[in-house]
Every structure is written in structure tokens, then in C-alpha cells.
C-alpha atoms as a PDB file:
ATOM      1  CA  MET A   1     105.035   1.520 -83.925  1.00  0.00           C
ATOM      2  CA  GLU A   2     103.847   4.028 -86.515  1.00  0.00           C
ATOM      3  CA  GLU A   3     106.478   6.515 -85.335  1.00  0.00           C
ATOM      4  CA  GLU A   4     109.197   3.928 -85.911  1.00  0.00           C
ATOM      5  CA  LEU A   5     107.938   3.285 -89.440  1.00  0.00           C
ATOM      6  CA  GLU A   6     107.826   7.010 -90.178  1.00  0.00           C
ATOM      7  CA  GLU A   7     111.369   7.487 -88.878  1.00  0.00           C
ATOM      8  CA  GLN A   8     112.524   4.491 -90.930  1.00  0.00           C
ATOM      9  CA  LEU A   9     110.928   6.037 -94.046  1.00  0.00           C
ATOM     10  CA  LEU A  10     112.691   9.333 -93.385  1.00  0.00           C
ATOM     11  CA  ARG A  11     116.037   7.575 -92.913  1.00  0.00           C
ATOM     12  CA  GLU A  12     115.432   5.771 -96.216  1.00  0.00           C
ATOM     13  CA  ILE A  13     114.741   9.118 -97.915  1.00  0.00           C
ATOM     14  CA  LEU A  14     117.939  10.573 -96.474  1.00  0.00           C
ATOM     15  CA  SER A  15     119.962   7.568 -97.641  1.00  0.00           C
ATOM     16  CA  PHE A  16     119.687   8.863-101.224  1.00  0.00           C
ATOM     17  CA  TYR A  17     121.430  12.129-100.301  1.00  0.00           C
ATOM     18  CA  ASP A  18     125.022  13.036 -99.464  1.00  0.00           C
ATOM     19  CA  GLY A  19     124.314  15.303 -96.491  1.00  0.00           C
ATOM     20  CA  LYS A  20     125.227  18.537 -98.282  1.00  0.00           C
ATOM     21  CA  ARG A  21     123.489  21.803 -97.363  1.00  0.00           C
ATOM     22  CA  GLY A  22     122.415  22.359-100.966  1.00  0.00           C
ATOM     23  CA  GLU A  23     120.190  19.279-100.682  1.00  0.00           C
ATOM     24  CA  LEU A  24     117.923  20.890 -98.078  1.00  0.00           C
ATOM     25  CA  ILE A  25     115.098  21.945-100.401  1.00  0.00           C
ATOM     26  CA  PRO A  26     114.897  18.648-102.328  1.00  0.00           C
ATOM     27  CA  ILE A  27     114.942  16.754 -99.015  1.00  0.00           C
ATOM     28  CA  LEU A  28     112.145  18.930 -97.593  1.00  0.00           C
ATOM     29  CA  GLN A  29     110.121  18.453-100.771  1.00  0.00           C
ATOM     30  CA  GLU A  30     110.469  14.690-100.518  1.00  0.00           C
ATOM     31  CA  VAL A  31     109.644  14.678 -96.804  1.00  0.00           C
ATOM     32  CA  GLN A  32     106.508  16.722 -97.437  1.00  0.00           C
ATOM     33  CA  THR A  33     105.495  14.486-100.342  1.00  0.00           C
ATOM     34  CA  ASN A  34     105.683  11.461 -98.064  1.00  0.00           C
ATOM     35  CA  PHE A  35     104.209  12.930 -94.866  1.00  0.00           C
ATOM     36  CA  GLY A  36     101.940  15.674 -96.213  1.00  0.00           C
ATOM     37  CA  TYR A  37     103.789  18.343 -94.208  1.00  0.00           C
ATOM     38  CA  LEU A  38     107.104  18.821 -92.384  1.00  0.00           C
ATOM     39  CA  PRO A  39     106.784  17.241 -88.935  1.00  0.00           C
ATOM     40  CA  GLU A  40     108.927  18.719 -86.159  1.00  0.00           C
ATOM     41  CA  TRP A  41     110.726  15.434 -85.563  1.00  0.00           C
ATOM     42  CA  ALA A  42     111.603  15.225 -89.275  1.00  0.00           C
ATOM     43  CA  ILE A  43     113.046  18.732 -89.245  1.00  0.00           C
ATOM     44  CA  GLU A  44     115.265  17.698 -86.322  1.00  0.00           C
ATOM     45  CA  LEU A  45     116.545  14.650 -88.217  1.00  0.00           C
ATOM     46  CA  VAL A  46     117.081  16.594 -91.442  1.00  0.00           C
ATOM     47  CA  ALA A  47     119.026  19.288 -89.574  1.00  0.00           C
ATOM     48  CA  GLY A  48     121.258  16.665 -87.979  1.00  0.00           C
ATOM     49  CA  PHE A  49     121.776  14.889 -91.286  1.00  0.00           C
ATOM     50  CA  LEU A  50     122.822  18.121 -93.023  1.00  0.00           C
ATOM     51  CA  ASN A  51     124.799  19.341 -90.007  1.00  0.00           C
ATOM     52  CA  ILE A  52     122.828  22.598 -89.812  1.00  0.00           C
ATOM     53  CA  THR A  53     120.629  24.036 -87.088  1.00  0.00           C
ATOM     54  CA  GLU A  54     116.915  23.383 -86.853  1.00  0.00           C
ATOM     55  CA  GLY A  55     116.523  27.155 -87.120  1.00  0.00           C
ATOM     56  CA  GLN A  56     118.136  27.088 -90.544  1.00  0.00           C
ATOM     57  CA  VAL A  57     115.730  24.375 -91.675  1.00  0.00           C
ATOM     58  CA  TYR A  58     112.739  26.303 -90.294  1.00  0.00           C
ATOM     59  CA  SER A  59     114.014  29.458 -91.977  1.00  0.00           C
ATOM     60  CA  VAL A  60     113.954  27.788 -95.393  1.00  0.00           C
ATOM     61  CA  ALA A  61     110.699  25.915 -94.735  1.00  0.00           C
ATOM     62  CA  SER A  62     108.870  29.046 -93.622  1.00  0.00           C
ATOM     63  CA  PHE A  63     110.262  31.181 -96.467  1.00  0.00           C
ATOM     64  CA  TYR A  64     108.821  29.055 -99.274  1.00  0.00           C
ATOM     65  CA  ALA A  65     105.028  28.901 -99.572  1.00  0.00           C
ATOM     66  CA  GLN A  66     105.210  25.318-100.864  1.00  0.00           C
ATOM     67  CA  PHE A  67     106.155  23.987 -97.427  1.00  0.00           C
ATOM     68  CA  ARG A  68     103.674  23.286 -94.639  1.00  0.00           C
ATOM     69  CA  LEU A  69     104.645  22.990 -90.990  1.00  0.00           C
ATOM     70  CA  ALA A  70     101.256  21.620 -89.959  1.00  0.00           C
ATOM     71  CA  PRO A  71      99.180  18.793 -91.429  1.00  0.00           C
ATOM     72  CA  LEU A  72      96.324  19.549 -93.799  1.00  0.00           C
ATOM     73  CA  GLY A  73      92.777  18.467 -93.134  1.00  0.00           C
ATOM     74  CA  ARG A  74      91.244  15.506 -94.962  1.00  0.00           C
ATOM     75  CA  HIS A  75      89.074  18.011 -96.842  1.00  0.00           C
ATOM     76  CA  ARG A  76      91.059  20.872 -98.329  1.00  0.00           C
ATOM     77  CA  VAL A  77      88.692  23.759 -99.059  1.00  0.00           C
ATOM     78  CA  THR A  78      90.216  26.317-101.420  1.00  0.00           C
ATOM     79  CA  ILE A  79      88.463  29.534-102.359  1.00  0.00           C
ATOM     80  CA  CYS A  80      89.407  31.486-105.449  1.00  0.00           C
ATOM     81  CA  ARG A  81      90.301  35.148-104.915  1.00  0.00           C
ATOM     82  CA  GLY A  82      90.765  35.944-108.601  1.00  0.00           C
ATOM     83  CA  THR A  83      89.184  39.034-110.124  1.00  0.00           C
ATOM     84  CA  ALA A  84      86.136  37.301-111.585  1.00  0.00           C
ATOM     85  CA  CYS A  85      85.425  35.439-108.353  1.00  0.00           C
ATOM     86  CA  HIS A  86      86.042  38.528-106.225  1.00  0.00           C
ATOM     87  CA  ILE A  87      83.650  40.645-108.283  1.00  0.00           C
ATOM     88  CA  ARG A  88      80.984  37.926-108.154  1.00  0.00           C
ATOM     89  CA  GLY A  89      81.061  37.537-104.379  1.00  0.00           C
ATOM     90  CA  ALA A  90      84.053  35.454-103.254  1.00  0.00           C
ATOM     91  CA  PRO A  91      84.535  37.544-100.071  1.00  0.00           C
ATOM     92  CA  GLN A  92      80.974  36.747 -98.970  1.00  0.00           C
ATOM     93  CA  ILE A  93      81.397  33.094 -99.915  1.00  0.00           C
ATOM     94  CA  LEU A  94      84.578  32.965 -97.813  1.00  0.00           C
ATOM     95  CA  LYS A  95      82.742  34.452 -94.820  1.00  0.00           C
ATOM     96  CA  GLY A  96      80.009  31.847 -95.218  1.00  0.00           C
ATOM     97  CA  ILE A  97      82.505  28.992 -95.361  1.00  0.00           C
ATOM     98  CA  GLU A  98      84.405  30.366 -92.354  1.00  0.00           C
ATOM     99  CA  LYS A  99      81.169  30.469 -90.394  1.00  0.00           C
ATOM    100  CA  ALA A 100      80.052  27.015 -91.534  1.00  0.00           C
ATOM    101  CA  LEU A 101      83.393  25.371 -90.736  1.00  0.00           C
ATOM    102  CA  GLY A 102      84.244  27.453 -87.682  1.00  0.00           C
ATOM    103  CA  LEU A 103      87.608  28.223 -89.289  1.00  0.00           C
ATOM    104  CA  ARG A 104      89.407  31.250 -90.607  1.00  0.00           C
ATOM    105  CA  GLU A 105      91.353  31.307 -93.831  1.00  0.00           C
ATOM    106  CA  GLY A 106      94.646  29.468 -93.359  1.00  0.00           C
ATOM    107  CA  GLU A 107      93.411  27.302 -90.481  1.00  0.00           C
ATOM    108  CA  THR A 108      92.915  23.567 -90.085  1.00  0.00           C
ATOM    109  CA  SER A 109      90.300  22.091 -87.784  1.00  0.00           C
ATOM    110  CA  PHE A 110      91.602  20.380 -84.665  1.00  0.00           C
ATOM    111  CA  ASP A 111      90.172  17.049 -85.837  1.00  0.00           C
ATOM    112  CA  LEU A 112      92.089  17.472 -89.132  1.00  0.00           C
ATOM    113  CA  GLU A 113      88.831  17.217 -91.058  1.00  0.00           C
ATOM    114  CA  TYR A 114      89.080  20.595 -92.890  1.00  0.00           C
ATOM    115  CA  THR A 115      91.721  23.058 -94.047  1.00  0.00           C
ATOM    116  CA  LEU A 116      90.504  26.408 -95.391  1.00  0.00           C
ATOM    117  CA  GLU A 117      92.768  28.313 -97.762  1.00  0.00           C
ATOM    118  CA  SER A 118      92.598  30.726-100.661  1.00  0.00           C
ATOM    119  CA  VAL A 119      94.484  30.987-103.936  1.00  0.00           C
ATOM    120  CA  ALA A 120      94.968  33.793-106.440  1.00  0.00           C
ATOM    121  CA  CYS A 121      93.067  31.897-109.139  1.00  0.00           C
ATOM    122  CA  ILE A 122      91.671  28.405-109.615  1.00  0.00           C
ATOM    123  CA  GLY A 123      91.391  28.924-113.373  1.00  0.00           C
ATOM    124  CA  CYS A 124      87.620  28.492-113.669  1.00  0.00           C
ATOM    125  CA  CYS A 125      86.642  32.128-114.208  1.00  0.00           C
ATOM    126  CA  ALA A 126      83.512  31.227-116.179  1.00  0.00           C
ATOM    127  CA  LEU A 127      82.217  29.464-113.040  1.00  0.00           C
ATOM    128  CA  ALA A 128      82.907  32.397-110.696  1.00  0.00           C
ATOM    129  CA  PRO A 129      82.701  32.517-107.804  1.00  0.00           C
ATOM    130  CA  CYS A 130      84.141  29.063-107.281  1.00  0.00           C
ATOM    131  CA  ILE A 131      85.805  26.902-104.684  1.00  0.00           C
ATOM    132  CA  LYS A 132      87.570  23.563-104.700  1.00  0.00           C
ATOM    133  CA  VAL A 133      86.978  20.865-102.135  1.00  0.00           C
ATOM    134  CA  ASN A 134      89.955  18.566-102.515  1.00  0.00           C
ATOM    135  CA  ASN A 135      90.107  18.327-106.320  1.00  0.00           C
ATOM    136  CA  GLN A 136      86.432  18.941-107.094  1.00  0.00           C
ATOM    137  CA  VAL A 137      85.490  22.412-108.358  1.00  0.00           C
ATOM    138  CA  HIS A 138      82.176  23.901-107.237  1.00  0.00           C
ATOM    139  CA  GLY A 139      81.158  26.847-109.408  1.00  0.00           C
ATOM    140  CA  GLN A 140      78.662  29.676-109.229  1.00  0.00           C
ATOM    141  CA  MET A 141      78.761  29.488-105.449  1.00  0.00           C
ATOM    142  CA  THR A 142      76.040  31.094-103.380  1.00  0.00           C
ATOM    143  CA  ALA A 143      75.343  31.266 -99.663  1.00  0.00           C
ATOM    144  CA  GLU A 144      72.798  28.474-100.150  1.00  0.00           C
ATOM    145  CA  LYS A 145      75.340  26.241-101.893  1.00  0.00           C
ATOM    146  CA  VAL A 146      77.794  26.861 -99.043  1.00  0.00           C
ATOM    147  CA  GLU A 147      75.160  25.674 -96.539  1.00  0.00           C
ATOM    148  CA  GLU A 148      74.510  22.553 -98.655  1.00  0.00           C
ATOM    149  CA  LEU A 149      78.212  21.698 -98.922  1.00  0.00           C
ATOM    150  CA  PHE A 150      79.011  22.472 -95.275  1.00  0.00           C
ATOM    151  CA  PRO A 151      76.042  21.881 -92.986  1.00  0.00           C
ATOM    152  CA  ALA A 152      76.481  23.854 -89.759  1.00  0.00           C
ATOM    153  CA  PRO A 153      78.122  21.781 -86.986  1.00  0.00           C
ATOM    154  CA  SER A 154      76.646  21.595 -83.546  1.00  0.00           C
ATOM    155  CA  GLN A 155      78.182  24.103 -81.112  1.00  0.00           C
ATOM    156  CA  GLY A 156      81.812  23.273 -80.254  1.00  0.00           C
ATOM    157  CA  GLU A 157      81.982  20.355 -82.679  1.00  0.00           C
ATOM    158  CA  ARG A 158      84.872  21.807 -84.704  1.00  0.00           C
ATOM    159  CA  ASP A 159      87.845  23.182 -82.827  1.00  0.00           C
ATOM    160  CA  VAL A 160      90.647  25.006 -84.623  1.00  0.00           C
ATOM    161  CA  HIS A 161      94.150  23.558 -84.842  1.00  0.00           C
END
């Protein structure tokens, strides 16, 4: 049932376009806005609609950093790698978060609870080192604060997706 609704939503999105190749990026942006990422089935439909190969769609989607081919976790953990954060210990904070979540940078947990990523700068240099969990900034991070934010799971509780 949910799959039918999702496909219906995608067909509705496509109904606003003419099926021209130049519409690929705006279509992918709209698909990702509605689904949170670019599902495989959606890429197939978009390719058919634009009369291009799925490979061409994947080529564009994988070229631009804005597009995601896998869903994000409910909790998006973003660590700042800017100069101020780096100097004040961001690499150690990242290692602590990786250990606590059982994830590596760029991964999403199998249960879709967490996604761990880094960015060049969050823009909160005075709070360095800092991270964002969803839209909430946590500044002056320490190993202790990491443990408070992300209590260690029991063995095998978090599998990587």
C-alpha cells in the first residue's frame, strides 16, 4: 500500500515536467525532497520518463554531493572539520562518536537510527569543537560529552547499513 502511494506521489511530481533531459536535476531534487533520498525504484521511473538509461541518472546523482542514494538515519550526526574544531580535537571527537555509534563517517545504521557525517564547517567556531545532532548544535565537545549524548549500545545492537 505504501509503495503504491509513493509511486503515485512520484508520478504526480513527474506530471509537472515535460520529459526533457534537462529536467533531470530538478526532478531528482524534488524526488529527494519528498523521499529523503533517491530510491532505486524512483531512479528507474525517472529514467523511463526522461527516456535515458538508469546509468545516466546514477551518473548525475552520484556526481553531485547534494544527492543521496541511501536513506538517512532519524538522527543525523554531523561533525565539524573546520580549522578551529580540528585544532581543538574534532578528530578525537569523531573517533569517540564512531565508537559510541558503531559507525564510520559516511555510514547509516542498519536500523536507520543514526547517520554519521562530517562537514567543512558548521559555522560555530567559538564553540569548537562542535557537532550537530539533527539541527541542534553541541559545542565544546569532549569525550565525556560524547558518552553522555551517545550512551554505548549493547554488543551487536547497532548494525551498519
